Amino acid sequence: MEKWEASKRLKKPDGTIAIVWEGKLHNWDGPAYIPQGNERKAEYHIYGIKYSKEEWKDRRRQREGLPYYKNQSMKSKLTDYRN
């Protein structure tokens, strides 16, 4: 099983907070970049791509659900599936 690298929370002396994963700004749980600790100017990033708060919420909602290998309609397409 593959192990994922943990996200890193970086904080500068001026209060800026950045959450980085694999060298890119990324956070599923909230803003990935908070300049000078100011929540109003927070930026939302997923895999290094910047989104507005509404777009980020929409992307976050889309990650929920069954993976393809647990979806009953997709099991017929898997060659190595066994009961």
N, C-alpha and C. Protein backbone atom coordinates (compact mmCIF):
# COMPACT_ATOMS: atom_id res chain seq x y z
N MET A 1 0.84 -1.18 0.00
CA MET A 1 0.00 0.00 0.00
C MET A 1 0.89 1.24 0.00
N GLU A 2 0.50 2.20 -0.77
CA GLU A 2 1.29 3.43 -0.92
C GLU A 2 1.04 4.37 0.25
N LYS A 3 2.12 4.94 0.80
CA LYS A 3 1.99 5.91 1.87
C LYS A 3 2.14 7.30 1.31
N TRP A 4 1.25 8.20 1.70
CA TRP A 4 1.27 9.57 1.22
C TRP A 4 2.08 10.44 2.18
N GLU A 5 2.78 11.38 1.61
CA GLU A 5 3.53 12.35 2.40
C GLU A 5 2.54 13.26 3.12
N ALA A 6 2.83 13.59 4.37
CA ALA A 6 1.95 14.46 5.15
C ALA A 6 2.12 15.91 4.71
N SER A 7 1.05 16.69 4.84
CA SER A 7 1.13 18.12 4.54
C SER A 7 1.99 18.82 5.58
N LYS A 8 2.65 19.88 5.15
CA LYS A 8 3.50 20.66 6.06
C LYS A 8 2.90 22.04 6.25
N ARG A 9 2.84 22.48 7.49
CA ARG A 9 2.34 23.81 7.82
C ARG A 9 3.55 24.71 8.06
N LEU A 10 3.72 25.69 7.19
CA LEU A 10 4.85 26.60 7.28
C LEU A 10 4.37 27.95 7.78
N LYS A 11 5.10 28.51 8.75
CA LYS A 11 4.71 29.80 9.30
C LYS A 11 5.91 30.74 9.28
N LYS A 12 5.72 31.93 8.73
CA LYS A 12 6.78 32.94 8.66
C LYS A 12 6.68 33.85 9.88
N PRO A 13 7.75 34.57 10.18
CA PRO A 13 7.73 35.50 11.33
C PRO A 13 6.65 36.58 11.22
N ASP A 14 6.25 36.97 9.99
CA ASP A 14 5.22 38.01 9.85
C ASP A 14 3.80 37.45 10.04
N GLY A 15 3.67 36.15 10.30
CA GLY A 15 2.38 35.54 10.57
C GLY A 15 1.77 34.83 9.38
N THR A 16 2.42 34.88 8.23
CA THR A 16 1.92 34.20 7.04
C THR A 16 1.97 32.69 7.25
N ILE A 17 0.87 32.02 6.91
CA ILE A 17 0.77 30.58 7.06
C ILE A 17 0.54 29.96 5.68
N ALA A 18 1.32 28.93 5.36
CA ALA A 18 1.15 28.21 4.10
C ALA A 18 1.12 26.72 4.41
N ILE A 19 0.18 26.02 3.82
CA ILE A 19 0.09 24.57 3.98
C ILE A 19 0.50 23.96 2.64
N VAL A 20 1.56 23.17 2.68
CA VAL A 20 2.20 22.66 1.46
C VAL A 20 2.18 21.14 1.47
N TRP A 21 1.89 20.58 0.29
CA TRP A 21 1.95 19.12 0.10
C TRP A 21 2.67 18.87 -1.21
N GLU A 22 3.72 18.09 -1.17
CA GLU A 22 4.55 17.77 -2.33
C GLU A 22 5.01 19.03 -3.07
N GLY A 23 5.38 20.06 -2.32
CA GLY A 23 5.91 21.28 -2.89
C GLY A 23 4.87 22.23 -3.47
N LYS A 24 3.58 21.94 -3.29
CA LYS A 24 2.51 22.78 -3.82
C LYS A 24 1.58 23.20 -2.69
N LEU A 25 1.01 24.40 -2.82
CA LEU A 25 -0.01 24.82 -1.86
C LEU A 25 -1.21 23.89 -2.03
N HIS A 26 -1.64 23.28 -0.92
CA HIS A 26 -2.73 22.31 -1.00
C HIS A 26 -3.34 22.11 0.39
N ASN A 27 -4.67 22.20 0.47
CA ASN A 27 -5.36 21.92 1.72
C ASN A 27 -6.82 21.62 1.42
N TRP A 28 -7.29 20.42 1.80
CA TRP A 28 -8.70 20.06 1.65
C TRP A 28 -9.54 20.63 2.79
N ASP A 29 -8.91 20.96 3.91
CA ASP A 29 -9.65 21.33 5.12
C ASP A 29 -9.89 22.82 5.30
N GLY A 30 -9.27 23.66 4.49
CA GLY A 30 -9.43 25.10 4.64
C GLY A 30 -8.46 25.82 3.73
N PRO A 31 -8.22 27.10 4.01
CA PRO A 31 -7.30 27.86 3.16
C PRO A 31 -5.88 27.30 3.24
N ALA A 32 -5.20 27.30 2.10
CA ALA A 32 -3.83 26.80 2.05
C ALA A 32 -2.82 27.93 2.25
N TYR A 33 -3.25 29.17 2.08
CA TYR A 33 -2.35 30.31 2.24
C TYR A 33 -3.09 31.42 2.96
N ILE A 34 -2.55 31.85 4.10
CA ILE A 34 -3.14 32.93 4.88
C ILE A 34 -2.07 33.99 5.07
N PRO A 35 -2.10 35.06 4.25
CA PRO A 35 -1.06 36.09 4.33
C PRO A 35 -1.15 36.88 5.64
N GLN A 36 -0.05 36.96 6.32
CA GLN A 36 0.09 37.69 7.59
C GLN A 36 -0.99 37.32 8.60
N GLY A 37 -1.46 36.09 8.54
CA GLY A 37 -2.46 35.59 9.48
C GLY A 37 -3.83 36.21 9.29
N ASN A 38 -4.05 36.93 8.20
CA ASN A 38 -5.32 37.61 7.93
C ASN A 38 -6.26 36.65 7.21
N GLU A 39 -7.25 36.12 7.94
CA GLU A 39 -8.20 35.14 7.39
C GLU A 39 -9.01 35.71 6.22
N ARG A 40 -9.24 37.02 6.20
CA ARG A 40 -10.03 37.62 5.13
C ARG A 40 -9.32 37.57 3.78
N LYS A 41 -7.99 37.51 3.79
CA LYS A 41 -7.21 37.45 2.56
C LYS A 41 -6.76 36.03 2.23
N ALA A 42 -7.36 35.06 2.89
CA ALA A 42 -6.97 33.66 2.71
C ALA A 42 -7.19 33.21 1.27
N GLU A 43 -6.31 32.32 0.82
CA GLU A 43 -6.40 31.76 -0.53
C GLU A 43 -6.58 30.25 -0.43
N TYR A 44 -7.41 29.74 -1.31
CA TYR A 44 -7.73 28.32 -1.33
C TYR A 44 -7.04 27.65 -2.51
N HIS A 45 -6.27 26.60 -2.23
CA HIS A 45 -5.53 25.89 -3.26
C HIS A 45 -5.74 24.39 -3.10
N ILE A 46 -5.82 23.70 -4.24
CA ILE A 46 -5.83 22.24 -4.26
C ILE A 46 -4.81 21.82 -5.31
N TYR A 47 -3.84 21.04 -4.87
CA TYR A 47 -2.76 20.57 -5.76
C TYR A 47 -2.06 21.73 -6.48
N GLY A 48 -1.92 22.86 -5.81
CA GLY A 48 -1.20 24.00 -6.38
C GLY A 48 -2.05 24.91 -7.25
N ILE A 49 -3.32 24.58 -7.47
CA ILE A 49 -4.20 25.40 -8.30
C ILE A 49 -5.06 26.26 -7.39
N LYS A 50 -5.06 27.57 -7.65
CA LYS A 50 -5.82 28.51 -6.82
C LYS A 50 -7.29 28.53 -7.24
N TYR A 51 -8.18 28.50 -6.23
CA TYR A 51 -9.61 28.56 -6.45
C TYR A 51 -10.23 29.63 -5.56
N SER A 52 -11.38 30.14 -5.99
CA SER A 52 -12.14 31.02 -5.10
C SER A 52 -12.73 30.12 -4.00
N LYS A 53 -13.23 30.73 -2.95
CA LYS A 53 -13.77 29.93 -1.84
C LYS A 53 -14.94 29.06 -2.32
N GLU A 54 -15.80 29.61 -3.19
CA GLU A 54 -16.94 28.85 -3.70
C GLU A 54 -16.49 27.69 -4.58
N GLU A 55 -15.51 27.94 -5.46
CA GLU A 55 -14.98 26.86 -6.32
C GLU A 55 -14.34 25.77 -5.46
N TRP A 56 -13.60 26.19 -4.42
CA TRP A 56 -12.94 25.25 -3.53
C TRP A 56 -13.98 24.37 -2.82
N LYS A 57 -15.06 25.00 -2.34
CA LYS A 57 -16.12 24.23 -1.67
C LYS A 57 -16.73 23.21 -2.62
N ASP A 58 -16.94 23.62 -3.88
CA ASP A 58 -17.51 22.72 -4.88
C ASP A 58 -16.56 21.54 -5.15
N ARG A 59 -15.27 21.82 -5.31
CA ARG A 59 -14.27 20.76 -5.53
C ARG A 59 -14.22 19.82 -4.33
N ARG A 60 -14.31 20.38 -3.16
CA ARG A 60 -14.26 19.57 -1.94
C ARG A 60 -15.45 18.63 -1.88
N ARG A 61 -16.63 19.11 -2.26
CA ARG A 61 -17.83 18.26 -2.28
C ARG A 61 -17.69 17.13 -3.28
N GLN A 62 -17.02 17.38 -4.40
CA GLN A 62 -16.88 16.38 -5.44
C GLN A 62 -15.97 15.22 -5.06
N ARG A 63 -15.15 15.40 -4.05
CA ARG A 63 -14.22 14.32 -3.68
C ARG A 63 -14.91 13.22 -2.88
N GLU A 64 -16.11 13.47 -2.40
CA GLU A 64 -16.84 12.47 -1.62
C GLU A 64 -17.44 11.43 -2.56
N GLY A 65 -17.78 10.30 -2.02
CA GLY A 65 -18.44 9.26 -2.81
C GLY A 65 -17.61 7.99 -2.86
N LEU A 66 -18.12 7.02 -3.56
CA LEU A 66 -17.45 5.74 -3.68
C LEU A 66 -16.34 5.78 -4.72
N PRO A 67 -15.21 5.18 -4.43
CA PRO A 67 -14.19 5.05 -5.46
C PRO A 67 -14.67 4.07 -6.53
N TYR A 68 -14.10 4.16 -7.71
CA TYR A 68 -14.56 3.33 -8.83
C TYR A 68 -14.52 1.84 -8.52
N TYR A 69 -13.53 1.39 -7.73
CA TYR A 69 -13.41 -0.05 -7.48
C TYR A 69 -14.44 -0.56 -6.47
N LYS A 70 -15.16 0.34 -5.79
CA LYS A 70 -16.23 -0.08 -4.89
C LYS A 70 -17.61 0.14 -5.49
N ASN A 71 -17.65 0.77 -6.64
CA ASN A 71 -18.91 1.05 -7.31
C ASN A 71 -19.34 -0.22 -8.06
N GLN A 72 -20.53 -0.71 -7.76
CA GLN A 72 -21.01 -1.97 -8.32
C GLN A 72 -21.04 -1.94 -9.85
N SER A 73 -21.39 -0.81 -10.44
CA SER A 73 -21.48 -0.74 -11.90
C SER A 73 -20.11 -0.78 -12.56
N MET A 74 -19.04 -0.48 -11.85
CA MET A 74 -17.69 -0.47 -12.43
C MET A 74 -16.96 -1.79 -12.24
N LYS A 75 -17.46 -2.67 -11.39
CA LYS A 75 -16.76 -3.93 -11.10
C LYS A 75 -16.65 -4.82 -12.33
N SER A 76 -17.59 -4.74 -13.23
CA SER A 76 -17.54 -5.57 -14.43
C SER A 76 -16.39 -5.14 -15.35
N LYS A 77 -15.92 -3.91 -15.21
CA LYS A 77 -14.83 -3.42 -16.05
C LYS A 77 -13.45 -3.75 -15.49
N LEU A 78 -13.40 -4.19 -14.23
CA LEU A 78 -12.12 -4.53 -13.61
C LEU A 78 -11.73 -5.95 -13.96
N THR A 79 -10.56 -6.16 -14.48
CA THR A 79 -10.13 -7.50 -14.90
C THR A 79 -9.72 -8.38 -13.73
N ASP A 80 -9.20 -7.78 -12.65
CA ASP A 80 -8.71 -8.57 -11.52
C ASP A 80 -9.68 -8.64 -10.36
N TYR A 81 -10.95 -8.26 -10.59
CA TYR A 81 -11.92 -8.27 -9.49
C TYR A 81 -12.32 -9.70 -9.17
N ARG A 82 -12.29 -9.99 -7.88
CA ARG A 82 -12.74 -11.31 -7.40
C ARG A 82 -13.76 -11.10 -6.29
N ASN A 83 -14.74 -11.99 -6.18
CA ASN A 83 -15.73 -11.91 -5.11
C ASN A 83 -15.13 -12.21 -3.81
